C-alpha atoms as a PDB file:
ATOM      1  CA  MET A   1     -12.492  26.176 -25.466  1.00  0.00           C
ATOM      2  CA  ASP A   2     -10.932  24.436 -22.868  1.00  0.00           C
ATOM      3  CA  ALA A   3     -10.434  20.439 -23.941  1.00  0.00           C
ATOM      4  CA  PRO A   4     -12.602  18.338 -21.859  1.00  0.00           C
ATOM      5  CA  LEU A   5     -11.098  17.083 -18.504  1.00  0.00           C
ATOM      6  CA  GLU A   6     -11.072  13.460 -19.756  1.00  0.00           C
ATOM      7  CA  ASP A   7      -8.543  14.360 -22.097  1.00  0.00           C
ATOM      8  CA  ALA A   8      -6.048  15.713 -19.878  1.00  0.00           C
ATOM      9  CA  ALA A   9      -3.324  13.386 -18.756  1.00  0.00           C
ATOM     10  CA  PRO A  10      -3.283  12.433 -15.302  1.00  0.00           C
ATOM     11  CA  ALA A  11      -0.575  13.698 -13.337  1.00  0.00           C
ATOM     12  CA  TRP A  12       1.035  10.159 -12.866  1.00  0.00           C
ATOM     13  CA  ARG A  13       1.304   9.590 -16.560  1.00  0.00           C
ATOM     14  CA  ALA A  14       3.637  12.679 -16.603  1.00  0.00           C
ATOM     15  CA  CYS A  15       5.725  12.357 -13.509  1.00  0.00           C
ATOM     16  CA  THR A  16       7.432   9.176 -12.467  1.00  0.00           C
ATOM     17  CA  VAL A  17       7.423   9.960  -8.946  1.00  0.00           C
ATOM     18  CA  SER A  18       3.800  10.447  -9.177  1.00  0.00           C
ATOM     19  CA  THR A  19       3.374   6.997 -10.971  1.00  0.00           C
ATOM     20  CA  THR A  20       4.910   5.434  -7.582  1.00  0.00           C
ATOM     21  CA  LEU A  21       2.811   7.147  -5.524  1.00  0.00           C
ATOM     22  CA  GLU A  22      -0.377   6.391  -7.224  1.00  0.00           C
ATOM     23  CA  VAL A  23       0.341   2.738  -6.428  1.00  0.00           C
ATOM     24  CA  ILE A  24       1.841   2.912  -3.092  1.00  0.00           C
ATOM     25  CA  GLY A  25       0.444   6.872  -1.921  1.00  0.00           C
ATOM     26  CA  GLY A  26      -1.953   7.096   0.759  1.00  0.00           C
ATOM     27  CA  ARG A  27      -1.821   6.639   4.688  1.00  0.00           C
ATOM     28  CA  TRP A  28      -1.876   2.962   4.842  1.00  0.00           C
ATOM     29  CA  LYS A  29      -0.882   1.463   1.249  1.00  0.00           C
ATOM     30  CA  ALA A  30       3.139   1.747   1.983  1.00  0.00           C
ATOM     31  CA  VAL A  31       2.518   0.364   5.318  1.00  0.00           C
ATOM     32  CA  ILE A  32       0.490  -2.639   4.367  1.00  0.00           C
ATOM     33  CA  LEU A  33       3.066  -3.579   1.709  1.00  0.00           C
ATOM     34  CA  PHE A  34       5.666  -3.257   4.048  1.00  0.00           C
ATOM     35  CA  HIS A  35       3.824  -5.810   6.289  1.00  0.00           C
ATOM     36  CA  LEU A  36       3.210  -8.183   3.251  1.00  0.00           C
ATOM     37  CA  LEU A  37       7.201  -8.190   2.453  1.00  0.00           C
ATOM     38  CA  HIS A  38       7.526 -10.734   5.018  1.00  0.00           C
ATOM     39  CA  GLY A  39       5.122 -13.100   3.478  1.00  0.00           C
ATOM     40  CA  MET A  40       1.200 -13.957   3.557  1.00  0.00           C
ATOM     41  CA  ARG A  41      -1.013 -12.329   6.018  1.00  0.00           C
ATOM     42  CA  ARG A  42      -4.765 -12.809   6.869  1.00  0.00           C
ATOM     43  CA  PHE A  43      -6.894  -9.785   7.064  1.00  0.00           C
ATOM     44  CA  ASN A  44      -7.157  -9.899  10.679  1.00  0.00           C
ATOM     45  CA  GLU A  45      -3.435 -10.292  11.001  1.00  0.00           C
ATOM     46  CA  LEU A  46      -2.922  -7.045   8.994  1.00  0.00           C
ATOM     47  CA  GLN A  47      -5.471  -5.130  10.754  1.00  0.00           C
ATOM     48  CA  ARG A  48      -3.766  -6.113  14.172  1.00  0.00           C
ATOM     49  CA  GLU A  49      -0.549  -4.969  12.558  1.00  0.00           C
ATOM     50  CA  LEU A  50      -1.643  -1.744  11.719  1.00  0.00           C
ATOM     51  CA  GLY A  51      -3.365  -0.613  14.837  1.00  0.00           C
ATOM     52  CA  SER A  52      -5.734   1.980  14.300  1.00  0.00           C
ATOM     53  CA  VAL A  53      -6.942   1.498  10.602  1.00  0.00           C
ATOM     54  CA  THR A  54     -10.384   0.759  10.402  1.00  0.00           C
ATOM     55  CA  GLN A  55     -11.953  -2.724   8.526  1.00  0.00           C
ATOM     56  CA  ARG A  56     -13.565  -0.471   5.878  1.00  0.00           C
ATOM     57  CA  VAL A  57     -10.505   1.652   4.999  1.00  0.00           C
ATOM     58  CA  LEU A  58      -8.035  -1.577   5.204  1.00  0.00           C
ATOM     59  CA  THR A  59     -10.482  -3.331   2.745  1.00  0.00           C
ATOM     60  CA  MET A  60     -10.665  -0.156   0.407  1.00  0.00           C
ATOM     61  CA  GLN A  61      -6.623   0.233   0.620  1.00  0.00           C
ATOM     62  CA  LEU A  62      -6.209  -3.543  -0.136  1.00  0.00           C
ATOM     63  CA  ARG A  63      -8.834  -3.712  -3.153  1.00  0.00           C
ATOM     64  CA  GLU A  64      -7.045  -0.750  -4.825  1.00  0.00           C
ATOM     65  CA  LEU A  65      -3.526  -2.690  -4.442  1.00  0.00           C
ATOM     66  CA  GLU A  66      -5.432  -5.609  -5.683  1.00  0.00           C
ATOM     67  CA  ALA A  67      -6.697  -4.021  -8.931  1.00  0.00           C
ATOM     68  CA  ASP A  68      -3.203  -2.062  -9.530  1.00  0.00           C
ATOM     69  CA  GLY A  69      -1.584  -5.990  -9.503  1.00  0.00           C
ATOM     70  CA  ILE A  70       0.246  -5.066  -6.560  1.00  0.00           C
ATOM     71  CA  VAL A  71      -1.374  -7.571  -4.164  1.00  0.00           C
ATOM     72  CA  GLU A  72      -3.010 -10.835  -4.959  1.00  0.00           C
ATOM     73  CA  ARG A  73      -5.941 -11.915  -2.638  1.00  0.00           C
ATOM     74  CA  THR A  74      -6.999 -15.892  -2.008  1.00  0.00           C
ATOM     75  CA  VAL A  75     -10.429 -16.779  -0.649  1.00  0.00           C
ATOM     76  CA  TYR A  76     -10.803 -20.302   0.903  1.00  0.00           C
ATOM     77  CA  ALA A  77     -14.051 -21.529   0.552  1.00  0.00           C
ATOM     78  CA  GLU A  78     -14.420 -22.409   4.653  1.00  0.00           C
ATOM     79  CA  VAL A  79     -16.505 -21.180   7.822  1.00  0.00           C
ATOM     80  CA  PRO A  80     -15.723 -18.682   8.553  1.00  0.00           C
ATOM     81  CA  PRO A  81     -14.391 -17.803   5.471  1.00  0.00           C
ATOM     82  CA  ARG A  82     -10.703 -17.276   5.259  1.00  0.00           C
ATOM     83  CA  VAL A  83      -9.016 -14.561   3.159  1.00  0.00           C
ATOM     84  CA  GLU A  84      -5.050 -14.076   2.496  1.00  0.00           C
ATOM     85  CA  TYR A  85      -3.322 -11.562   0.824  1.00  0.00           C
ATOM     86  CA  ARG A  86       0.340 -11.742  -0.674  1.00  0.00           C
ATOM     87  CA  LEU A  87       2.799  -9.747  -2.935  1.00  0.00           C
ATOM     88  CA  THR A  88       2.401 -10.541  -6.506  1.00  0.00           C
ATOM     89  CA  PRO A  89       5.612 -10.745  -8.453  1.00  0.00           C
ATOM     90  CA  PHE A  90       4.854  -7.199  -9.612  1.00  0.00           C
ATOM     91  CA  GLY A  91       4.597  -6.236  -5.924  1.00  0.00           C
ATOM     92  CA  GLU A  92       7.584  -7.688  -4.858  1.00  0.00           C
ATOM     93  CA  SER A  93       9.391  -5.378  -7.376  1.00  0.00           C
ATOM     94  CA  LEU A  94       8.360  -2.487  -4.852  1.00  0.00           C
ATOM     95  CA  LYS A  95      10.614  -4.078  -2.125  1.00  0.00           C
ATOM     96  CA  PRO A  96      13.893  -1.846  -2.463  1.00  0.00           C
ATOM     97  CA  VAL A  97      11.361   1.312  -2.404  1.00  0.00           C
ATOM     98  CA  LEU A  98       9.838   0.200   0.892  1.00  0.00           C
ATOM     99  CA  LEU A  99      12.981  -0.925   2.462  1.00  0.00           C
ATOM    100  CA  SER A 100      14.463   2.734   1.670  1.00  0.00           C
ATOM    101  CA  LEU A 101      11.211   4.381   3.300  1.00  0.00           C
ATOM    102  CA  ARG A 102      12.049   2.043   6.356  1.00  0.00           C
ATOM    103  CA  ASP A 103      15.698   3.171   6.206  1.00  0.00           C
ATOM    104  CA  TRP A 104      14.851   6.630   5.750  1.00  0.00           C
ATOM    105  CA  GLY A 105      12.221   6.692   8.710  1.00  0.00           C
ATOM    106  CA  GLU A 106      14.957   4.938  11.348  1.00  0.00           C
ATOM    107  CA  ARG A 107      17.674   7.299  10.703  1.00  0.00           C
ATOM    108  CA  HIS A 108      15.418  10.490  10.646  1.00  0.00           C
ATOM    109  CA  ARG A 109      12.792   9.074  13.553  1.00  0.00           C
ATOM    110  CA  SER A 110      14.243  11.283  16.233  1.00  0.00           C
ATOM    111  CA  GLU A 111      14.423  14.271  14.078  1.00  0.00           C
ATOM    112  CA  VAL A 112      10.581  14.405  12.634  1.00  0.00           C
ATOM    113  CA  ALA A 113       9.592  13.620  16.399  1.00  0.00           C
ATOM    114  CA  ALA A 114      11.581  16.581  17.739  1.00  0.00           C
ATOM    115  CA  LEU A 115      10.132  18.988  15.114  1.00  0.00           C
ATOM    116  CA  ARG A 116       6.853  17.628  15.588  1.00  0.00           C
ATOM    117  CA  ALA A 117       6.798  18.352  19.571  1.00  0.00           C
END
């Protein structure tokens, strides 16, 4: 008889690359984190900087990053409410990873564009 699915270890526990991608994987998370490397951002600032992300998707991605201890959310009791996001010290530990992703993109952007043309 097969073991229940709950007993199976998630892939991110077995592979260190999967662990990283579990936290920063997805269409928007790494880009959000890259913008937060430059300091605190308000929700609307992030949405403007990311361009085509919807409010719903940005909210979901930020909540997941907050749940993983990567992003800190601060709500100010103002009208209208002001919400700010910043990297936690744990989130700051991703800086070398994000900068490496940026550098690779800078080196290979034209190749990727040519392959996808």
